[in-house]
Amino acid sequence: MFNSFEWIVALRYLRSRREEGFVSVIVWFSLAGIALGVATLIIVMSVMNGFRAELLQRILGLNGHMAVYSIDRKPLQEFEDLAIKISRLPGVTRVIPTVEGQVLLSANKVAGGAIVRGIRPEDIKTRKIISENIKSGTLDDFQGKNSVIVGKRLALKFGVGPGDKLRLVSPQSNQTAFGSVPRSKIYKVTAVFDVGMYEYDSGFVFMPLEAAQIYFRSKGAVTNIEVFLSDPDQVAIVRTKIRDQENRPLRIVDWQEANASFFNAIKVERNVMFLILTLIVLVAAFNIISGMIMMVKDKGRDIAILRTMGATRGMILRAFLIAGASVGIFGTLAGFVLGIAFAGNIETIRQWLQSLTGTELFAAEIYFLSNLPSVIEVGDVASVVAMSLCLSFLAVLYPAWRAATIDPVKALRYE
């Protein structure tokens, strides 16, 4: 195949002589532009997919797939029977009664707000995102009425660790002879966790359910029941079953409702970035057009001679199609290899650049995650490669047609 007339002519025209170097430079810039565009698209799409996957994993790992509240926002009474009924529903894997409230923390002359969640010790051990990410201390001491576990960034902010004391001040006040006094109690930090998401590592405190019920004055009740499912996308079906079997009115909030704006924003940003970065490939395709047109103009006399020697218009058309398409194919292949290699090692590259420059390139306070995630999806890569190849093939149609329609008599006469 490579010995055919079309391939010989195409490869010869791509290897321009010294006096035709400008055309060759344009061709190489076109190839580099396509490679850069394809690689950038693959990298950006992989990072956006990684963001969504990591955030979804952490949000659904720390929070239930749905939460059941009382309709009047008051504590749920007789929650144990309700929890048992929900746990028996098909598709439900875990049910965790929870007491949740906001507090003011203080330690070592530092103060700040946080969210306290009270859950049973056996439940927190089954929540792998916490139990498998304990950095110091142990969950074995997470029991009784005087223990808490905190996130790593919160512990650093307040300068506490396992065995240290942390004061919790509740907005609910105690009535005394001198008026209302904020309720305050000191707890012992028994463990420090690091789930890799800034919001949770810096703003969440866990305490045993019984201790939380006492602290928030919810004895015998919980604020909500967290429900975990085998398939997070089945929340609508389970929601209907819960309402069908329970007579009292309940308010049920699933993960899609609670985080709708967040994930919609990621989806919109992902689509916009795809459209914007596609312009890089489009500009490279225009470079192919300009380079091929200049090549046709430069090779007009050669084309005329080939025509007089018996080459048909179809043969000339195919030769220039092969020449232009080769630039798009090799550029796409180079971009594919570069993009996959970069996306697969992006966190290592970030760490290297960070140590080289001495600056933090991915602040967890801004981007929520402590590591730069990347998930390479076959469908996204295939769509980027297909789009690049289509644009490259379309870009060479006009120059190839123009080369095939050159009148050999006029071309030789003007020469």
Protein backbone atom coordinates (compact mmCIF):
# COMPACT_ATOMS: atom_id res chain seq x y z
CA MET A 1 0.00 0.00 0.00
CA PHE A 2 2.79 2.43 0.94
CA ASN A 3 4.44 1.76 -2.44
CA SER A 4 1.44 3.09 -4.38
CA PHE A 5 1.69 6.29 -6.39
CA GLU A 6 -0.48 8.30 -3.97
CA TRP A 7 1.58 7.38 -0.90
CA ILE A 8 4.89 8.07 -2.62
CA VAL A 9 3.74 11.53 -3.73
CA ALA A 10 2.17 12.35 -0.35
CA LEU A 11 5.26 11.38 1.65
CA ARG A 12 7.54 13.20 -0.79
CA TYR A 13 5.52 16.42 -0.49
CA LEU A 14 5.57 16.24 3.30
CA ARG A 15 9.40 16.11 3.18
CA SER A 16 9.93 19.54 1.64
CA ARG A 17 13.30 20.66 0.31
CA ARG A 18 15.28 23.44 1.99
CA GLU A 19 13.89 26.15 -0.30
CA GLU A 20 10.37 24.97 0.62
CA GLY A 21 11.04 24.97 4.33
CA PHE A 22 8.30 27.49 5.19
CA VAL A 23 5.60 25.07 4.04
CA SER A 24 7.18 22.32 6.12
CA VAL A 25 7.23 24.59 9.18
CA ILE A 26 3.49 25.25 8.80
CA VAL A 27 2.83 21.52 8.56
CA TRP A 28 4.83 20.84 11.71
CA PHE A 29 3.06 23.63 13.58
CA SER A 30 -0.27 22.15 12.48
CA LEU A 31 0.77 18.75 13.81
CA ALA A 32 1.94 20.29 17.11
CA GLY A 33 -1.29 22.27 17.43
CA ILE A 34 -3.46 19.20 17.01
CA ALA A 35 -1.30 17.21 19.46
CA LEU A 36 -1.51 20.00 22.03
CA GLY A 37 -5.27 20.38 21.60
CA VAL A 38 -5.98 16.65 21.93
CA ALA A 39 -3.67 16.29 24.93
CA THR A 40 -5.19 19.32 26.68
CA LEU A 41 -8.72 18.06 26.09
CA ILE A 42 -7.90 14.59 27.46
CA ILE A 43 -6.17 16.07 30.52
CA VAL A 44 -8.93 18.56 31.33
CA MET A 45 -11.73 16.04 30.84
CA SER A 46 -9.89 13.50 33.03
CA VAL A 47 -9.38 16.05 35.81
CA MET A 48 -13.05 17.11 35.68
CA ASN A 49 -14.10 13.45 35.83
CA GLY A 50 -11.71 12.96 38.74
CA PHE A 51 -13.17 15.91 40.60
CA ARG A 52 -16.69 14.59 40.25
CA ALA A 53 -15.75 11.01 41.18
CA GLU A 54 -13.67 12.04 44.22
CA LEU A 55 -16.23 14.52 45.52
CA LEU A 56 -19.05 12.03 45.01
CA GLN A 57 -17.09 9.31 46.80
CA ARG A 58 -16.30 11.52 49.78
CA ILE A 59 -19.71 13.17 50.03
CA LEU A 60 -21.55 9.85 49.84
CA GLY A 61 -18.97 8.20 52.07
CA LEU A 62 -19.43 10.68 54.89
CA ASN A 63 -23.12 11.37 54.34
CA GLY A 64 -25.93 8.94 53.69
CA HIS A 65 -27.49 8.55 50.26
CA MET A 66 -30.63 9.97 51.84
CA ALA A 67 -31.61 11.47 55.19
CA VAL A 68 -34.97 11.11 56.88
CA TYR A 69 -36.22 14.04 59.02
CA SER A 70 -39.42 14.87 60.82
CA ILE A 71 -41.67 17.13 58.79
CA ASP A 72 -41.60 19.92 61.42
CA ARG A 73 -37.76 19.86 61.74
CA LYS A 74 -38.07 18.68 65.34
CA PRO A 75 -36.10 15.64 66.67
CA LEU A 76 -37.36 12.26 65.51
CA GLN A 77 -38.98 10.41 68.41
CA GLU A 78 -39.22 6.60 68.45
CA PHE A 79 -36.54 6.47 65.79
CA GLU A 80 -35.44 2.91 66.51
CA ASP A 81 -38.62 1.34 65.10
CA LEU A 82 -38.40 3.57 62.02
CA ALA A 83 -34.74 2.67 61.53
CA ILE A 84 -35.53 -1.06 61.71
CA LYS A 85 -38.34 -0.72 59.15
CA ILE A 86 -36.12 1.21 56.74
CA SER A 87 -33.24 -1.27 57.12
CA ARG A 88 -35.52 -4.09 55.96
CA LEU A 89 -36.32 -2.40 52.64
CA PRO A 90 -34.74 -3.88 49.48
CA GLY A 91 -31.64 -1.98 48.39
CA VAL A 92 -30.89 -0.52 51.85
CA THR A 93 -27.47 -1.53 53.17
CA ARG A 94 -27.13 0.57 56.35
CA VAL A 95 -29.26 2.81 58.53
CA ILE A 96 -27.51 5.19 60.93
CA PRO A 97 -29.45 7.33 63.46
CA THR A 98 -27.71 10.68 63.81
CA VAL A 99 -27.81 13.73 66.07
CA GLU A 100 -26.42 16.80 64.37
CA GLY A 101 -25.87 20.37 65.55
CA GLN A 102 -23.63 23.40 65.24
CA VAL A 103 -21.22 24.41 67.99
CA LEU A 104 -18.42 26.82 68.79
CA LEU A 105 -15.08 25.13 69.47
CA SER A 106 -12.27 26.54 71.55
CA ALA A 107 -8.84 25.27 72.53
CA ASN A 108 -5.42 26.83 73.02
CA LYS A 109 -6.88 30.34 72.68
CA VAL A 110 -8.34 29.51 69.26
CA ALA A 111 -12.08 29.56 68.54
CA GLY A 112 -14.16 28.58 65.52
CA GLY A 113 -17.39 26.98 64.40
CA ALA A 114 -17.96 23.33 63.54
CA ILE A 115 -20.67 20.73 62.96
CA VAL A 116 -21.06 17.96 65.52
CA ARG A 117 -22.47 14.60 64.52
CA GLY A 118 -23.41 12.04 67.09
CA ILE A 119 -23.46 8.42 65.89
CA ARG A 120 -23.11 5.06 67.54
CA PRO A 121 -19.52 3.75 67.95
CA GLU A 122 -20.32 0.60 65.97
CA ASP A 123 -21.68 2.71 63.10
CA ILE A 124 -18.59 4.87 62.75
CA LYS A 125 -16.44 1.75 62.52
CA THR A 126 -18.46 0.56 59.53
CA ARG A 127 -18.07 3.95 57.81
CA LYS A 128 -14.86 3.12 55.94
CA ILE A 129 -14.08 6.65 54.81
CA ILE A 130 -13.43 7.48 58.48
CA SER A 131 -12.37 4.17 60.01
CA GLU A 132 -9.77 3.58 57.27
CA ASN A 133 -8.41 7.12 57.42
CA ILE A 134 -7.59 7.49 61.13
CA LYS A 135 -4.22 9.29 61.23
CA SER A 136 -3.68 9.27 65.01
CA GLY A 137 -5.46 7.83 68.02
CA THR A 138 -7.91 4.93 67.85
CA LEU A 139 -11.64 4.40 67.43
CA ASP A 140 -11.57 1.93 70.33
CA ASP A 141 -11.67 4.93 72.71
CA PHE A 142 -14.66 6.44 70.88
CA GLN A 143 -17.24 5.65 73.55
CA GLY A 144 -18.81 7.03 76.69
CA LYS A 145 -20.01 10.60 77.23
CA ASN A 146 -16.75 12.50 77.03
CA SER A 147 -14.99 11.59 73.76
CA VAL A 148 -14.86 13.09 70.27
CA ILE A 149 -12.93 12.55 67.04
CA VAL A 150 -11.99 15.47 64.79
CA GLY A 151 -10.65 16.11 61.28
CA LYS A 152 -6.93 16.60 60.63
CA ARG A 153 -7.16 20.24 59.55
CA LEU A 154 -9.41 21.07 62.47
CA ALA A 155 -6.91 19.45 64.84
CA LEU A 156 -4.07 21.49 63.31
CA LYS A 157 -6.06 24.70 63.58
CA PHE A 158 -6.82 24.21 67.26
CA GLY A 159 -3.51 22.55 68.09
CA VAL A 160 -5.08 19.40 69.53
CA GLY A 161 -4.46 15.69 69.17
CA PRO A 162 -5.44 12.42 70.82
CA GLY A 163 -5.67 12.94 74.59
CA ASP A 164 -6.10 16.73 74.37
CA LYS A 165 -9.14 18.68 75.54
CA LEU A 166 -11.60 20.55 73.31
CA ARG A 167 -14.35 22.81 74.61
CA LEU A 168 -17.73 22.76 72.85
CA VAL A 169 -20.12 25.69 73.30
CA SER A 170 -23.70 25.14 72.14
CA PRO A 171 -26.02 27.92 70.92
CA GLN A 172 -28.67 26.36 73.18
CA SER A 173 -28.40 28.09 76.53
CA ASN A 174 -29.02 27.09 80.14
CA GLN A 175 -31.36 29.20 82.23
CA THR A 176 -29.81 30.34 85.54
CA ALA A 177 -30.58 32.87 88.22
CA PHE A 178 -28.34 35.29 86.32
CA GLY A 179 -30.08 34.75 82.96
CA SER A 180 -29.28 32.61 79.93
CA VAL A 181 -25.81 31.08 79.89
CA PRO A 182 -24.43 29.24 76.81
CA ARG A 183 -24.03 25.53 77.48
CA SER A 184 -20.37 24.54 77.51
CA LYS A 185 -18.60 21.22 78.01
CA ILE A 186 -15.07 19.90 77.63
CA TYR A 187 -14.46 16.72 75.61
CA LYS A 188 -11.41 14.55 75.07
CA VAL A 189 -10.07 14.05 71.54
CA THR A 190 -9.61 10.30 70.99
CA ALA A 191 -8.72 10.18 67.28
CA VAL A 192 -7.97 12.35 64.25
CA PHE A 193 -9.22 11.46 60.74
CA ASP A 194 -8.25 12.69 57.28
CA VAL A 195 -10.76 11.96 54.49
CA GLY A 196 -8.97 14.22 51.98
CA MET A 197 -11.79 16.78 51.63
CA TYR A 198 -11.14 20.17 53.17
CA GLU A 199 -14.72 20.88 54.24
CA TYR A 200 -14.98 17.70 56.28
CA ASP A 201 -11.43 17.64 57.63
CA SER A 202 -11.72 21.20 58.92
CA GLY A 203 -15.31 21.45 60.11
CA PHE A 204 -16.66 18.14 61.45
CA VAL A 205 -16.58 16.65 64.94
CA PHE A 206 -17.98 13.19 65.75
CA MET A 207 -19.11 12.07 69.19
CA PRO A 208 -20.97 9.00 70.47
CA LEU A 209 -24.73 9.15 69.89
CA GLU A 210 -25.63 8.99 73.57
CA ALA A 211 -23.26 11.86 74.39
CA ALA A 212 -24.69 13.95 71.54
CA GLN A 213 -28.26 13.31 72.70
CA ILE A 214 -27.34 14.61 76.14
CA TYR A 215 -25.40 17.59 74.85
CA PHE A 216 -28.10 18.72 72.40
CA ARG A 217 -30.95 17.84 74.77
CA SER A 218 -32.40 15.21 72.43
CA LYS A 219 -32.67 12.32 74.85
CA GLY A 220 -34.42 9.39 73.21
CA ALA A 221 -34.49 11.16 69.84
CA VAL A 222 -32.29 11.94 66.82
CA THR A 223 -32.28 14.78 64.33
CA ASN A 224 -32.28 12.45 61.31
CA ILE A 225 -31.69 8.91 60.09
CA GLU A 226 -29.03 8.42 57.41
CA VAL A 227 -29.82 5.73 54.85
CA PHE A 228 -27.14 4.04 52.71
CA LEU A 229 -28.15 2.18 49.54
CA SER A 230 -26.46 -0.46 47.40
CA ASP A 231 -27.20 1.73 44.35
CA PRO A 232 -27.17 5.53 44.97
CA ASP A 233 -29.30 6.09 41.84
CA GLN A 234 -32.23 4.19 43.39
CA VAL A 235 -33.06 6.95 45.90
CA ALA A 236 -36.42 7.74 44.28
CA ILE A 237 -37.63 4.12 44.58
CA VAL A 238 -36.54 3.78 48.23
CA ARG A 239 -38.06 7.18 49.07
CA THR A 240 -41.45 5.98 47.79
CA LYS A 241 -41.22 2.75 49.80
CA ILE A 242 -40.38 4.63 53.01
CA ARG A 243 -43.39 6.91 52.62
CA ASP A 244 -45.68 4.02 51.73
CA GLN A 245 -44.86 2.03 54.88
CA GLU A 246 -44.73 4.94 57.36
CA ASN A 247 -47.93 6.63 58.49
CA ARG A 248 -46.39 9.78 60.00
CA PRO A 249 -45.25 12.57 57.68
CA LEU A 250 -41.52 12.61 56.99
CA ARG A 251 -39.15 14.88 55.09
CA ILE A 252 -36.68 12.89 52.98
CA VAL A 253 -33.67 14.57 51.37
CA ASP A 254 -31.47 12.51 49.01
CA TRP A 255 -27.91 13.21 47.89
CA GLN A 256 -29.03 14.45 44.48
CA GLU A 257 -31.19 17.17 46.03
CA ALA A 258 -28.66 18.12 48.69
CA ASN A 259 -25.80 18.52 46.19
CA ALA A 260 -27.70 19.36 42.99
CA SER A 261 -26.22 22.83 42.47
CA PHE A 262 -22.72 21.56 43.22
CA PHE A 263 -22.68 18.71 40.71
CA ASN A 264 -24.61 20.73 38.10
CA ALA A 265 -21.90 23.39 38.31
CA ILE A 266 -19.21 20.75 37.69
CA LYS A 267 -21.17 19.38 34.72
CA VAL A 268 -21.64 22.82 33.16
CA GLU A 269 -17.98 23.70 33.69
CA ARG A 270 -16.92 20.41 32.13
CA ASN A 271 -19.02 21.02 29.00
CA VAL A 272 -17.86 24.62 28.67
CA MET A 273 -14.21 23.62 29.02
CA PHE A 274 -14.70 20.98 26.31
CA LEU A 275 -16.14 23.56 23.91
CA ILE A 276 -13.45 26.14 24.65
CA LEU A 277 -10.55 23.72 24.32
CA THR A 278 -12.00 22.30 21.10
CA LEU A 279 -11.05 25.66 19.58
CA ILE A 280 -7.39 24.66 19.93
CA VAL A 281 -7.97 21.67 17.64
CA LEU A 282 -10.09 23.83 15.33
CA VAL A 283 -7.30 26.43 15.00
CA ALA A 284 -4.83 23.61 14.26
CA ALA A 285 -7.22 22.34 11.57
CA PHE A 286 -7.21 25.79 9.96
CA ASN A 287 -3.42 25.64 10.03
CA ILE A 288 -3.65 22.38 8.07
CA ILE A 289 -5.87 24.12 5.50
CA SER A 290 -3.48 27.04 5.10
CA GLY A 291 -0.44 24.76 4.97
CA MET A 292 -2.00 22.46 2.38
CA ILE A 293 -3.16 25.40 0.21
CA MET A 294 0.37 26.79 0.24
CA MET A 295 1.68 23.34 -0.65
CA VAL A 296 -0.74 23.07 -3.57
CA LYS A 297 0.30 26.50 -4.81
CA ASP A 298 3.98 25.65 -4.42
CA LYS A 299 3.58 22.27 -6.16
CA GLY A 300 1.40 23.52 -9.02
CA ARG A 301 4.03 22.83 -11.70
CA ASP A 302 4.79 19.37 -10.26
CA ILE A 303 1.10 18.51 -10.28
CA ALA A 304 0.79 19.65 -13.90
CA ILE A 305 3.74 17.47 -14.92
CA LEU A 306 2.25 14.47 -13.12
CA ARG A 307 -1.04 15.06 -14.94
CA THR A 308 0.69 15.15 -18.32
CA MET A 309 2.45 11.90 -17.43
CA GLY A 310 -0.86 10.14 -16.91
CA ALA A 311 -1.84 10.82 -13.30
CA THR A 312 -5.60 11.19 -12.98
CA ARG A 313 -7.44 13.79 -10.91
CA GLY A 314 -8.43 11.03 -8.51
CA MET A 315 -4.82 10.06 -7.94
CA ILE A 316 -3.82 13.66 -7.23
CA LEU A 317 -6.83 14.07 -4.93
CA ARG A 318 -5.94 10.95 -2.95
CA ALA A 319 -2.26 11.96 -2.71
CA PHE A 320 -3.09 15.30 -1.09
CA LEU A 321 -5.78 13.72 1.10
CA ILE A 322 -3.16 11.29 2.40
CA ALA A 323 -0.63 14.09 2.95
CA GLY A 324 -3.07 16.28 4.92
CA ALA A 325 -4.70 13.40 6.79
CA SER A 326 -1.27 12.12 7.88
CA VAL A 327 -0.69 15.38 9.73
CA GLY A 328 -4.02 15.03 11.55
CA ILE A 329 -3.52 11.33 12.34
CA PHE A 330 0.02 11.68 13.68
CA GLY A 331 -0.91 14.85 15.59
CA THR A 332 -3.90 13.11 17.15
CA LEU A 333 -1.81 10.05 18.02
CA ALA A 334 0.88 12.22 19.64
CA GLY A 335 -1.76 14.16 21.60
CA PHE A 336 -3.41 10.91 22.70
CA VAL A 337 -0.14 9.49 24.08
CA LEU A 338 0.82 12.79 25.73
CA GLY A 339 -2.63 13.33 27.25
CA ILE A 340 -2.91 9.79 28.66
CA ALA A 341 0.60 9.93 30.11
CA PHE A 342 0.06 13.36 31.70
CA ALA A 343 -3.43 12.60 33.05
CA GLY A 344 -2.29 9.30 34.51
CA ASN A 345 0.55 10.94 36.45
CA ILE A 346 -0.90 14.39 37.08
CA GLU A 347 -0.61 14.24 40.88
CA THR A 348 3.06 13.20 40.64
CA ILE A 349 3.70 16.04 38.19
CA ARG A 350 1.93 18.48 40.53
CA GLN A 351 4.05 17.39 43.46
CA TRP A 352 7.22 17.78 41.36
CA LEU A 353 6.26 21.27 40.14
CA GLN A 354 5.25 22.24 43.66
CA SER A 355 8.62 21.21 45.10
CA LEU A 356 10.42 22.86 42.18
CA THR A 357 8.67 26.23 42.51
CA GLY A 358 8.13 26.20 46.28
CA THR A 359 4.49 27.27 45.88
CA GLU A 360 1.23 25.45 46.59
CA LEU A 361 -0.36 24.72 43.21
CA PHE A 362 -3.53 23.03 44.48
CA ALA A 363 -4.79 24.61 47.70
CA ALA A 364 -7.30 22.37 49.48
CA GLU A 365 -9.05 25.47 50.90
CA ILE A 366 -10.00 26.48 47.34
CA TYR A 367 -10.43 23.17 45.51
CA PHE A 368 -11.99 21.14 48.38
CA LEU A 369 -9.65 18.16 47.76
CA SER A 370 -6.12 17.73 49.03
CA ASN A 371 -4.94 15.79 45.94
CA LEU A 372 -5.40 16.53 42.25
CA PRO A 373 -7.68 13.75 40.97
CA SER A 374 -7.81 12.29 37.47
CA VAL A 375 -10.11 9.64 36.01
CA ILE A 376 -9.53 8.67 32.37
CA GLU A 377 -12.80 7.54 30.79
CA VAL A 378 -12.66 5.61 27.52
CA GLY A 379 -15.74 7.35 26.15
CA ASP A 380 -14.29 10.83 26.65
CA VAL A 381 -10.94 9.89 25.10
CA ALA A 382 -12.67 8.25 22.13
CA SER A 383 -14.85 11.33 21.53
CA VAL A 384 -11.82 13.65 21.64
CA VAL A 385 -9.84 11.46 19.23
CA ALA A 386 -12.82 11.08 16.87
CA MET A 387 -13.48 14.82 16.89
CA SER A 388 -9.82 15.59 16.12
CA LEU A 389 -9.69 13.09 13.25
CA CYS A 390 -12.95 14.39 11.76
CA LEU A 391 -11.75 18.00 11.84
CA SER A 392 -8.42 16.97 10.32
CA PHE A 393 -10.09 15.07 7.47
CA LEU A 394 -12.51 17.92 6.77
CA ALA A 395 -9.63 20.40 6.74
CA VAL A 396 -7.84 18.67 3.82
CA LEU A 397 -10.86 18.27 1.53
CA TYR A 398 -10.71 21.72 -0.06
CA PRO A 399 -6.90 21.81 -0.63
CA ALA A 400 -7.00 18.28 -2.09
CA TRP A 401 -9.90 19.20 -4.38
CA ARG A 402 -8.07 22.35 -5.47
CA ALA A 403 -4.97 20.31 -6.30
CA ALA A 404 -7.00 17.80 -8.32
CA THR A 405 -8.68 20.55 -10.39
CA ILE A 406 -5.45 22.28 -11.48
CA ASP A 407 -5.35 22.66 -15.28
CA PRO A 408 -1.94 21.32 -16.35
CA VAL A 409 -1.88 23.49 -19.50
CA LYS A 410 -2.42 26.72 -17.57
CA ALA A 411 -0.04 25.70 -14.78
CA LEU A 412 2.81 24.96 -17.21
CA ARG A 413 2.10 28.04 -19.33
CA TYR A 414 2.28 30.39 -16.37
CA GLU A 415 5.41 28.72 -15.14
